[in-house]
Amino acid sequence: MMEEKTLLKPRAAIYCRTANADDFTIEPQRQSLFRLAKEKGFDDPAEYLDKGQKGTALDRPAFKRLTEDMVAGEIQIVFVKNASRISRDCIALAEWLEMAHTLGVEVISENGDIQI
């Protein structure tokens, strides 16, 4: 008798970043990404939230954890509001997206400016 293989559903994450440190600013972004993830079939995405963090550097705490989890193979799909939430530096953004692509991680932005 042949053993049935169970296909595991990819693990999804949402990543939110705001320059303001308050919940009022980040919460709408968070809620819209949860809705997007649910529309795509992911009911329980991991959350990575950077409040009060500028988009010019990639050494933000939650972003670093997200990247580490991607490298570890724990995250296969990332939902973001738009490209600027990842980085406002075009070169850094391109390098991070290339790394995600190399790892086989799908990155989907709500506004459609990213989809790899």
Protein backbone atom coordinates (compact mmCIF):
# COMPACT_ATOMS: atom_id res chain seq x y z
CA MET A 1 0.00 0.00 0.00
CA MET A 2 1.40 3.37 -1.02
CA GLU A 3 1.69 6.05 1.63
CA GLU A 4 -0.28 9.23 0.95
CA LYS A 5 1.78 12.40 0.89
CA THR A 6 0.27 15.40 2.57
CA LEU A 7 1.04 18.67 0.86
CA LEU A 8 1.66 21.37 3.40
CA LYS A 9 0.15 24.76 2.73
CA PRO A 10 2.81 27.47 2.39
CA ARG A 11 3.21 29.67 5.46
CA ALA A 12 2.20 33.27 4.80
CA ALA A 13 3.15 36.50 6.54
CA ILE A 14 2.06 40.09 6.51
CA TYR A 15 4.63 42.85 6.86
CA CYS A 16 3.59 46.35 7.92
CA ARG A 17 5.78 49.39 8.45
CA THR A 18 4.92 52.93 9.46
CA ALA A 19 7.10 55.88 10.33
CA ASN A 20 4.69 56.72 13.18
CA ALA A 21 4.87 54.64 16.32
CA ASP A 22 1.15 54.66 17.07
CA ASP A 23 -1.36 51.85 16.57
CA PHE A 24 -3.77 54.24 14.81
CA THR A 25 -1.40 54.50 11.84
CA ILE A 26 -0.46 50.85 11.44
CA GLU A 27 -3.81 49.21 12.18
CA PRO A 28 -5.55 50.02 8.85
CA GLN A 29 -2.55 48.63 6.96
CA ARG A 30 -2.58 45.50 9.14
CA GLN A 31 -6.32 44.92 8.66
CA SER A 32 -6.19 45.37 4.88
CA LEU A 33 -3.31 42.89 4.60
CA PHE A 34 -5.19 40.34 6.72
CA ARG A 35 -8.14 40.72 4.32
CA LEU A 36 -5.84 40.26 1.31
CA ALA A 37 -4.23 37.18 2.83
CA LYS A 38 -7.67 35.72 3.58
CA GLU A 39 -8.81 36.40 -0.01
CA LYS A 40 -5.78 34.43 -1.19
CA GLY A 41 -6.64 31.53 1.14
CA PHE A 42 -4.42 32.27 4.15
CA ASP A 43 -6.46 32.60 7.34
CA ASP A 44 -3.62 32.82 9.87
CA PRO A 45 -0.61 34.68 8.46
CA ALA A 46 2.31 35.48 10.73
CA GLU A 47 2.57 39.18 11.61
CA TYR A 48 5.68 41.32 11.34
CA LEU A 49 5.02 44.92 12.37
CA ASP A 50 7.51 47.78 12.47
CA LYS A 51 5.97 50.86 14.08
CA GLY A 52 7.95 54.09 14.11
CA GLN A 53 10.50 52.82 11.58
CA LYS A 54 11.73 54.72 8.54
CA GLY A 55 11.85 52.96 5.20
CA THR A 56 15.37 54.02 4.30
CA ALA A 57 17.14 51.26 6.27
CA LEU A 58 16.59 47.51 6.34
CA ASP A 59 17.74 47.00 9.94
CA ARG A 60 14.23 47.27 11.34
CA PRO A 61 13.47 44.65 14.05
CA ALA A 62 10.39 42.96 12.53
CA PHE A 63 11.81 43.18 9.00
CA LYS A 64 15.00 41.45 10.13
CA ARG A 65 12.94 38.67 11.80
CA LEU A 66 10.84 38.29 8.64
CA THR A 67 13.96 37.98 6.48
CA GLU A 68 15.51 35.46 8.90
CA ASP A 69 12.31 33.39 8.85
CA MET A 70 12.28 33.47 5.05
CA VAL A 71 15.89 32.26 4.94
CA ALA A 72 15.01 29.52 7.45
CA GLY A 73 12.20 28.36 5.13
CA GLU A 74 9.45 29.22 7.62
CA ILE A 75 7.76 31.85 5.41
CA GLN A 76 6.94 31.24 1.74
CA ILE A 77 4.55 34.13 0.96
CA VAL A 78 4.74 37.75 2.14
CA PHE A 79 1.92 40.28 1.80
CA VAL A 80 2.79 43.99 1.95
CA LYS A 81 0.84 47.20 1.32
CA ASN A 82 3.28 48.45 -1.32
CA ALA A 83 6.98 48.45 -2.22
CA SER A 84 7.76 51.43 0.01
CA ARG A 85 6.80 49.40 3.10
CA ILE A 86 9.82 47.18 2.39
CA SER A 87 12.23 49.96 1.47
CA ARG A 88 12.29 53.46 0.07
CA ASP A 89 15.78 52.74 -1.27
CA CYS A 90 15.31 51.30 -4.78
CA ILE A 91 18.58 49.37 -4.73
CA ALA A 92 17.91 47.84 -1.31
CA LEU A 93 14.37 46.97 -2.41
CA ALA A 94 15.62 45.28 -5.59
CA GLU A 95 18.26 43.30 -3.68
CA TRP A 96 15.74 42.12 -1.07
CA LEU A 97 13.21 41.12 -3.76
CA GLU A 98 15.95 39.22 -5.61
CA MET A 99 16.83 37.39 -2.38
CA ALA A 100 13.14 36.54 -1.85
CA HIS A 101 12.89 35.28 -5.43
CA THR A 102 16.04 33.15 -4.98
CA LEU A 103 14.53 31.65 -1.81
CA GLY A 104 11.29 30.90 -3.65
CA VAL A 105 9.32 33.33 -1.48
CA GLU A 106 6.36 34.97 -3.19
CA VAL A 107 5.94 38.68 -2.40
CA ILE A 108 2.54 40.22 -3.11
CA SER A 109 1.69 43.89 -2.62
CA GLU A 110 -1.85 45.02 -2.08
CA ASN A 111 -1.56 47.82 -4.64
CA GLY A 112 0.03 45.55 -7.25
CA ASP A 113 3.42 47.25 -7.53
CA ILE A 114 5.15 43.98 -6.51
CA GLN A 115 4.36 40.42 -7.42
CA ILE A 116 7.18 37.91 -7.60
